[in-house]
């Protein structure tokens, strides 16, 4: 079992930055691809970005490409989502997720086995 805990959310003005963290326990993350998703009220959970188990490859949704960056520190069992140039439409609960796989990124929620509880990000205009 993998337990995931997100942190770093909060309220930020448009154009600002936040860094989310996703800390894992129970298993080491070096065999898991990691993804970030977000869900706004009344909407489906959307893919934000993902990173392979080694950190060698990343993939982003078009809506965040060039503004968000995913990284990981397998030694700390933590994955990060650096968000810059934030927009009000980025407001959502952000979730990290894990799936045991190597060399590929997954973009659909059902492809992930483990989820954190989410952290709220609110961007004011």
C-alpha atoms as a PDB file:
ATOM      1  CA  UNK A   1       0.000   0.000   0.000  1.00  0.00           C
ATOM      2  CA  UNK A   2       1.091   3.537  -0.734  1.00  0.00           C
ATOM      3  CA  UNK A   3      -0.179   6.466   1.289  1.00  0.00           C
ATOM      4  CA  UNK A   4       0.028   9.882  -0.340  1.00  0.00           C
ATOM      5  CA  UNK A   5      -0.314  13.242   1.374  1.00  0.00           C
ATOM      6  CA  UNK A   6      -0.435  16.508  -0.560  1.00  0.00           C
ATOM      7  CA  UNK A   7       0.532  19.850   0.906  1.00  0.00           C
ATOM      8  CA  UNK A   8       1.327  23.368  -0.226  1.00  0.00           C
ATOM      9  CA  UNK A   9      -2.044  24.526  -1.436  1.00  0.00           C
ATOM     10  CA  UNK A  10      -3.500  27.882  -0.559  1.00  0.00           C
ATOM     11  CA  UNK A  11      -4.761  31.205  -1.827  1.00  0.00           C
ATOM     12  CA  UNK A  12      -2.664  33.095  -4.354  1.00  0.00           C
ATOM     13  CA  UNK A  13      -3.226  36.028  -6.672  1.00  0.00           C
ATOM     14  CA  UNK A  14      -3.321  35.581 -10.408  1.00  0.00           C
ATOM     15  CA  UNK A  15       0.197  35.531 -11.790  1.00  0.00           C
ATOM     16  CA  UNK A  16       1.588  34.076  -8.598  1.00  0.00           C
ATOM     17  CA  UNK A  17       3.241  30.758  -7.864  1.00  0.00           C
ATOM     18  CA  UNK A  18       2.776  27.792  -5.571  1.00  0.00           C
ATOM     19  CA  UNK A  19       4.618  24.546  -5.083  1.00  0.00           C
ATOM     20  CA  UNK A  20       2.659  21.481  -4.132  1.00  0.00           C
ATOM     21  CA  UNK A  21       4.281  18.496  -2.510  1.00  0.00           C
ATOM     22  CA  UNK A  22       3.142  14.902  -2.434  1.00  0.00           C
ATOM     23  CA  UNK A  23       4.808  12.824   0.248  1.00  0.00           C
ATOM     24  CA  UNK A  24       4.558   9.062   0.133  1.00  0.00           C
ATOM     25  CA  UNK A  25       4.793   6.429   2.825  1.00  0.00           C
ATOM     26  CA  UNK A  26       4.381   2.703   2.883  1.00  0.00           C
ATOM     27  CA  UNK A  27       6.462   2.042  -0.202  1.00  0.00           C
ATOM     28  CA  UNK A  28       9.331   3.754  -1.944  1.00  0.00           C
ATOM     29  CA  UNK A  29       8.228   5.665  -5.009  1.00  0.00           C
ATOM     30  CA  UNK A  30      11.055   4.692  -7.318  1.00  0.00           C
ATOM     31  CA  UNK A  31       8.865   2.029  -8.948  1.00  0.00           C
ATOM     32  CA  UNK A  32       5.859   4.271  -9.378  1.00  0.00           C
ATOM     33  CA  UNK A  33       4.864   6.728 -12.039  1.00  0.00           C
ATOM     34  CA  UNK A  34       3.202   9.733 -10.479  1.00  0.00           C
ATOM     35  CA  UNK A  35       0.464  11.987 -11.700  1.00  0.00           C
ATOM     36  CA  UNK A  36      -1.176  15.228 -10.682  1.00  0.00           C
ATOM     37  CA  UNK A  37      -4.865  15.817 -11.276  1.00  0.00           C
ATOM     38  CA  UNK A  38      -7.262  18.578 -10.340  1.00  0.00           C
ATOM     39  CA  UNK A  39     -10.961  18.852  -9.803  1.00  0.00           C
ATOM     40  CA  UNK A  40     -13.007  22.033  -9.722  1.00  0.00           C
ATOM     41  CA  UNK A  41     -16.494  22.083  -8.162  1.00  0.00           C
ATOM     42  CA  UNK A  42     -19.028  20.378 -10.398  1.00  0.00           C
ATOM     43  CA  UNK A  43     -16.406  19.208 -12.858  1.00  0.00           C
ATOM     44  CA  UNK A  44     -14.593  15.993 -13.589  1.00  0.00           C
ATOM     45  CA  UNK A  45     -11.131  15.220 -12.330  1.00  0.00           C
ATOM     46  CA  UNK A  46      -8.710  16.437 -14.991  1.00  0.00           C
ATOM     47  CA  UNK A  47      -5.182  15.397 -15.770  1.00  0.00           C
ATOM     48  CA  UNK A  48      -2.549  18.032 -15.026  1.00  0.00           C
ATOM     49  CA  UNK A  49       0.746  16.241 -15.544  1.00  0.00           C
ATOM     50  CA  UNK A  50       2.727  13.101 -14.868  1.00  0.00           C
ATOM     51  CA  UNK A  51       6.277  11.907 -14.383  1.00  0.00           C
ATOM     52  CA  UNK A  52       7.857   8.524 -14.926  1.00  0.00           C
ATOM     53  CA  UNK A  53       9.281   6.487 -12.069  1.00  0.00           C
ATOM     54  CA  UNK A  54      12.837   7.599 -12.798  1.00  0.00           C
ATOM     55  CA  UNK A  55      11.874  11.205 -13.411  1.00  0.00           C
ATOM     56  CA  UNK A  56      13.267  10.990 -16.902  1.00  0.00           C
ATOM     57  CA  UNK A  57      10.062  11.936 -18.681  1.00  0.00           C
ATOM     58  CA  UNK A  58       7.210  14.276 -17.957  1.00  0.00           C
ATOM     59  CA  UNK A  59       3.962  15.032 -19.720  1.00  0.00           C
ATOM     60  CA  UNK A  60       1.568  17.921 -19.237  1.00  0.00           C
ATOM     61  CA  UNK A  61      -1.925  18.919 -20.150  1.00  0.00           C
ATOM     62  CA  UNK A  62      -1.997  21.676 -22.748  1.00  0.00           C
ATOM     63  CA  UNK A  63      -3.689  23.992 -20.274  1.00  0.00           C
ATOM     64  CA  UNK A  64      -0.660  24.016 -17.964  1.00  0.00           C
ATOM     65  CA  UNK A  65       2.213  23.392 -20.357  1.00  0.00           C
ATOM     66  CA  UNK A  66       4.935  25.967 -19.901  1.00  0.00           C
ATOM     67  CA  UNK A  67       3.549  27.083 -16.542  1.00  0.00           C
ATOM     68  CA  UNK A  68       3.659  23.943 -14.386  1.00  0.00           C
ATOM     69  CA  UNK A  69       6.610  21.652 -13.742  1.00  0.00           C
ATOM     70  CA  UNK A  70       6.619  18.233 -12.122  1.00  0.00           C
ATOM     71  CA  UNK A  71       9.688  16.880 -10.399  1.00  0.00           C
ATOM     72  CA  UNK A  72      10.446  14.135  -7.946  1.00  0.00           C
ATOM     73  CA  UNK A  73      12.993  13.286  -5.305  1.00  0.00           C
ATOM     74  CA  UNK A  74      12.917   9.531  -4.879  1.00  0.00           C
ATOM     75  CA  UNK A  75      15.343   9.793  -1.987  1.00  0.00           C
ATOM     76  CA  UNK A  76      12.754  11.850  -0.117  1.00  0.00           C
ATOM     77  CA  UNK A  77       9.843   9.824  -1.490  1.00  0.00           C
ATOM     78  CA  UNK A  78       8.259  13.078  -2.629  1.00  0.00           C
ATOM     79  CA  UNK A  79       6.868  14.481  -5.848  1.00  0.00           C
ATOM     80  CA  UNK A  80       6.416  18.170  -6.541  1.00  0.00           C
ATOM     81  CA  UNK A  81       4.217  20.325  -8.708  1.00  0.00           C
ATOM     82  CA  UNK A  82       5.640  23.788  -9.266  1.00  0.00           C
ATOM     83  CA  UNK A  83       2.916  26.101 -10.526  1.00  0.00           C
ATOM     84  CA  UNK A  84       3.698  29.510 -11.973  1.00  0.00           C
ATOM     85  CA  UNK A  85       1.744  32.228 -13.768  1.00  0.00           C
ATOM     86  CA  UNK A  86      -1.364  30.963 -12.038  1.00  0.00           C
ATOM     87  CA  UNK A  87      -4.767  31.850 -13.422  1.00  0.00           C
ATOM     88  CA  UNK A  88      -8.198  31.882 -11.777  1.00  0.00           C
ATOM     89  CA  UNK A  89      -9.134  28.871 -13.905  1.00  0.00           C
ATOM     90  CA  UNK A  90      -6.416  26.883 -12.126  1.00  0.00           C
ATOM     91  CA  UNK A  91      -8.567  26.992  -8.986  1.00  0.00           C
ATOM     92  CA  UNK A  92      -9.318  23.406  -7.938  1.00  0.00           C
ATOM     93  CA  UNK A  93      -8.493  20.664  -5.508  1.00  0.00           C
ATOM     94  CA  UNK A  94      -5.221  19.128  -6.607  1.00  0.00           C
ATOM     95  CA  UNK A  95      -4.538  15.442  -6.164  1.00  0.00           C
ATOM     96  CA  UNK A  96      -1.439  13.349  -6.593  1.00  0.00           C
ATOM     97  CA  UNK A  97      -1.680   9.735  -7.634  1.00  0.00           C
ATOM     98  CA  UNK A  98       0.625   6.752  -8.032  1.00  0.00           C
ATOM     99  CA  UNK A  99       0.733   3.673 -10.218  1.00  0.00           C
ATOM    100  CA  UNK A 100       3.366   0.964 -10.222  1.00  0.00           C
ATOM    101  CA  UNK A 101       4.834   1.142 -13.702  1.00  0.00           C
ATOM    102  CA  UNK A 102       8.118   1.963 -15.400  1.00  0.00           C
ATOM    103  CA  UNK A 103       8.947   4.206 -18.297  1.00  0.00           C
ATOM    104  CA  UNK A 104       5.463   5.422 -19.133  1.00  0.00           C
ATOM    105  CA  UNK A 105       3.208   8.175 -17.961  1.00  0.00           C
ATOM    106  CA  UNK A 106      -0.485   7.675 -17.345  1.00  0.00           C
ATOM    107  CA  UNK A 107      -3.017  10.396 -18.030  1.00  0.00           C
ATOM    108  CA  UNK A 108      -6.359   8.925 -16.972  1.00  0.00           C
ATOM    109  CA  UNK A 109      -7.588   8.735 -13.369  1.00  0.00           C
ATOM    110  CA  UNK A 110      -8.610   5.078 -13.652  1.00  0.00           C
ATOM    111  CA  UNK A 111      -5.035   4.137 -14.509  1.00  0.00           C
ATOM    112  CA  UNK A 112      -3.841   5.087 -11.025  1.00  0.00           C
ATOM    113  CA  UNK A 113      -4.026   2.879  -7.962  1.00  0.00           C
ATOM    114  CA  UNK A 114      -3.296   5.265  -5.097  1.00  0.00           C
ATOM    115  CA  UNK A 115      -4.539   8.776  -4.379  1.00  0.00           C
ATOM    116  CA  UNK A 116      -3.931  11.488  -1.866  1.00  0.00           C
ATOM    117  CA  UNK A 117      -6.678  13.402  -0.118  1.00  0.00           C
ATOM    118  CA  UNK A 118      -6.147  16.559  -2.159  1.00  0.00           C
ATOM    119  CA  UNK A 119      -5.103  20.114  -1.420  1.00  0.00           C
ATOM    120  CA  UNK A 120      -7.075  23.225  -2.322  1.00  0.00           C
ATOM    121  CA  UNK A 121      -5.569  25.810  -4.653  1.00  0.00           C
ATOM    122  CA  UNK A 122      -7.467  29.053  -5.063  1.00  0.00           C
ATOM    123  CA  UNK A 123      -6.317  31.722  -7.496  1.00  0.00           C
ATOM    124  CA  UNK A 124      -7.909  35.125  -7.119  1.00  0.00           C
ATOM    125  CA  UNK A 125      -8.248  37.575  -9.988  1.00  0.00           C
END
